[in-house]
Protein backbone atom coordinates (compact mmCIF):
# COMPACT_ATOMS: atom_id res chain seq x y z
CA MET A 1 50.51 -78.72 74.32
CA THR A 2 51.50 -80.35 71.11
CA LEU A 3 54.96 -79.84 69.80
CA THR A 4 56.30 -80.95 66.43
CA VAL A 5 60.12 -81.78 66.28
CA ARG A 6 61.96 -82.68 63.08
CA LEU A 7 64.53 -85.34 63.60
CA ASP A 8 67.07 -86.82 61.19
CA SER A 9 66.72 -90.45 60.42
CA THR A 10 69.52 -91.57 62.76
CA ILE A 11 67.99 -89.91 65.79
CA GLU A 12 64.42 -91.11 64.80
CA ASP A 13 65.71 -94.73 64.56
CA ALA A 14 67.54 -94.43 67.98
CA LEU A 15 64.45 -92.99 69.55
CA GLU A 16 62.26 -95.68 68.23
CA ARG A 17 64.72 -98.47 69.47
CA HIS A 18 64.95 -96.97 72.82
CA CYS A 19 61.28 -96.66 73.25
CA ALA A 20 60.65 -100.25 72.06
CA GLU A 21 63.38 -101.62 74.31
CA ARG A 22 62.07 -99.85 77.35
CA GLY A 23 58.44 -99.92 76.62
CA VAL A 24 57.94 -96.20 76.92
CA THR A 25 56.31 -93.61 74.61
CA LYS A 26 58.30 -91.14 72.49
CA SER A 27 56.31 -88.49 74.28
CA LEU A 28 57.73 -89.50 77.71
CA VAL A 29 61.27 -89.80 76.47
CA VAL A 30 61.06 -86.28 74.91
CA GLN A 31 59.44 -84.75 77.87
CA GLU A 32 62.12 -86.23 80.30
CA SER A 33 64.93 -85.29 77.88
CA LEU A 34 63.73 -81.73 77.67
CA ALA A 35 63.26 -81.45 81.41
CA ALA A 36 66.82 -82.82 82.06
CA TYR A 37 68.22 -80.40 79.48
CA LEU A 38 66.43 -77.33 80.97
CA LEU A 39 67.59 -78.33 84.42
CA ASP A 40 71.21 -78.84 83.42
CA THR A 41 70.99 -75.40 81.60
CA ALA A 42 69.69 -73.71 84.74
CA SER A 43 72.27 -75.49 86.86
CA ALA A 44 75.08 -74.38 84.55
CA LYS A 45 73.86 -70.86 84.70
CA ALA A 46 73.78 -71.00 88.55
CA ARG A 47 77.24 -72.51 88.70
CA ALA A 48 78.59 -69.80 86.40
CA ASP A 49 76.91 -67.16 88.59
CA ALA A 50 78.06 -68.69 91.86
CA GLY A 51 80.53 -66.60 93.69
CA ARG A 52 80.02 -63.62 91.32
CA PRO A 53 79.62 -60.24 93.13
CA ALA A 54 76.46 -58.38 92.60
CA LYS A 55 75.78 -56.66 89.48
CA SER A 56 77.14 -53.14 89.02
CA GLY A 57 75.11 -50.43 90.82
CA ALA A 58 74.12 -52.88 93.49
CA SER A 59 76.05 -53.13 96.74
CA VAL A 60 77.38 -56.39 98.12
CA SER A 61 75.86 -57.40 101.33
CA ALA A 62 77.78 -57.69 104.65
CA ASN A 63 77.31 -61.38 104.70
CA TYR A 64 78.79 -61.83 101.23
CA LYS A 65 81.78 -59.63 102.28
CA ALA A 66 82.30 -61.70 105.43
CA PHE A 67 82.09 -65.07 103.59
CA ALA A 68 84.51 -63.70 100.92
CA ASP A 69 86.93 -62.56 103.63
CA ALA A 70 86.71 -66.07 105.25
CA GLY A 71 87.65 -67.62 101.84
CA LEU A 72 84.21 -69.28 101.55
CA ILE A 73 83.20 -67.70 98.28
CA GLY A 74 84.30 -69.74 95.29
CA GLY A 75 85.92 -72.28 97.61
CA VAL A 76 84.87 -75.27 95.66
CA ALA A 77 85.95 -73.70 92.37
CA LEU A 78 89.34 -73.14 93.84
CA GLY A 79 89.72 -76.55 94.78
CA ARG A 80 89.06 -76.18 98.43
CA GLY A 81 86.09 -78.10 99.99
CA ALA A 82 83.22 -76.42 101.62
CA ASP A 83 82.20 -79.17 104.03
CA LYS A 84 81.79 -78.34 107.78
CA ALA A 85 85.33 -79.45 108.70
CA ALA A 86 86.92 -77.39 105.96
CA VAL A 87 84.83 -74.30 106.76
CA ARG A 88 85.65 -74.60 110.46
CA ALA A 89 89.32 -74.88 109.67
CA ARG A 90 89.28 -71.89 107.45
CA ILE A 91 87.58 -69.90 109.96
CA ALA A 92 89.98 -70.98 112.70
CA GLU A 93 92.80 -70.11 110.41
CA SER A 94 91.26 -66.74 109.83
CA PHE A 95 90.88 -65.88 113.56
CA ALA A 96 94.53 -67.14 114.18
CA GLU A 97 95.78 -64.80 111.44
CA ARG A 98 93.70 -61.90 112.83
CA LYS A 99 94.91 -62.62 116.26
CA ALA A 100 98.60 -62.62 115.07
CA ARG A 101 98.07 -59.29 113.26
CA ARG A 102 96.82 -57.80 116.56
CA GLY A 103 99.76 -58.92 118.39
CA GLY A 104 98.33 -61.98 120.03
CA ALA A 105 96.01 -60.11 122.30
């Protein structure tokens, strides 16, 4: 596919210098830049959607509810880690709280 892009003179000069210094084509730089931009945009959307409950009309799965109850949904956004040790500690804490509510039985 051929694509024509209009660049102002500052960006055009910077692109030419970049390509000359690195020995790459303008096409390669544009392809890699566009790919990185699209991946970053998709990642940003995924991060924004992470931890968000299902859209209206759709039910939330039992797994989602269990993870949310254990404090695992949105854990990183809330400043709590989600590595194995942190997850195990939160699950142990959840079990201890549940046991205490039931009278230690």
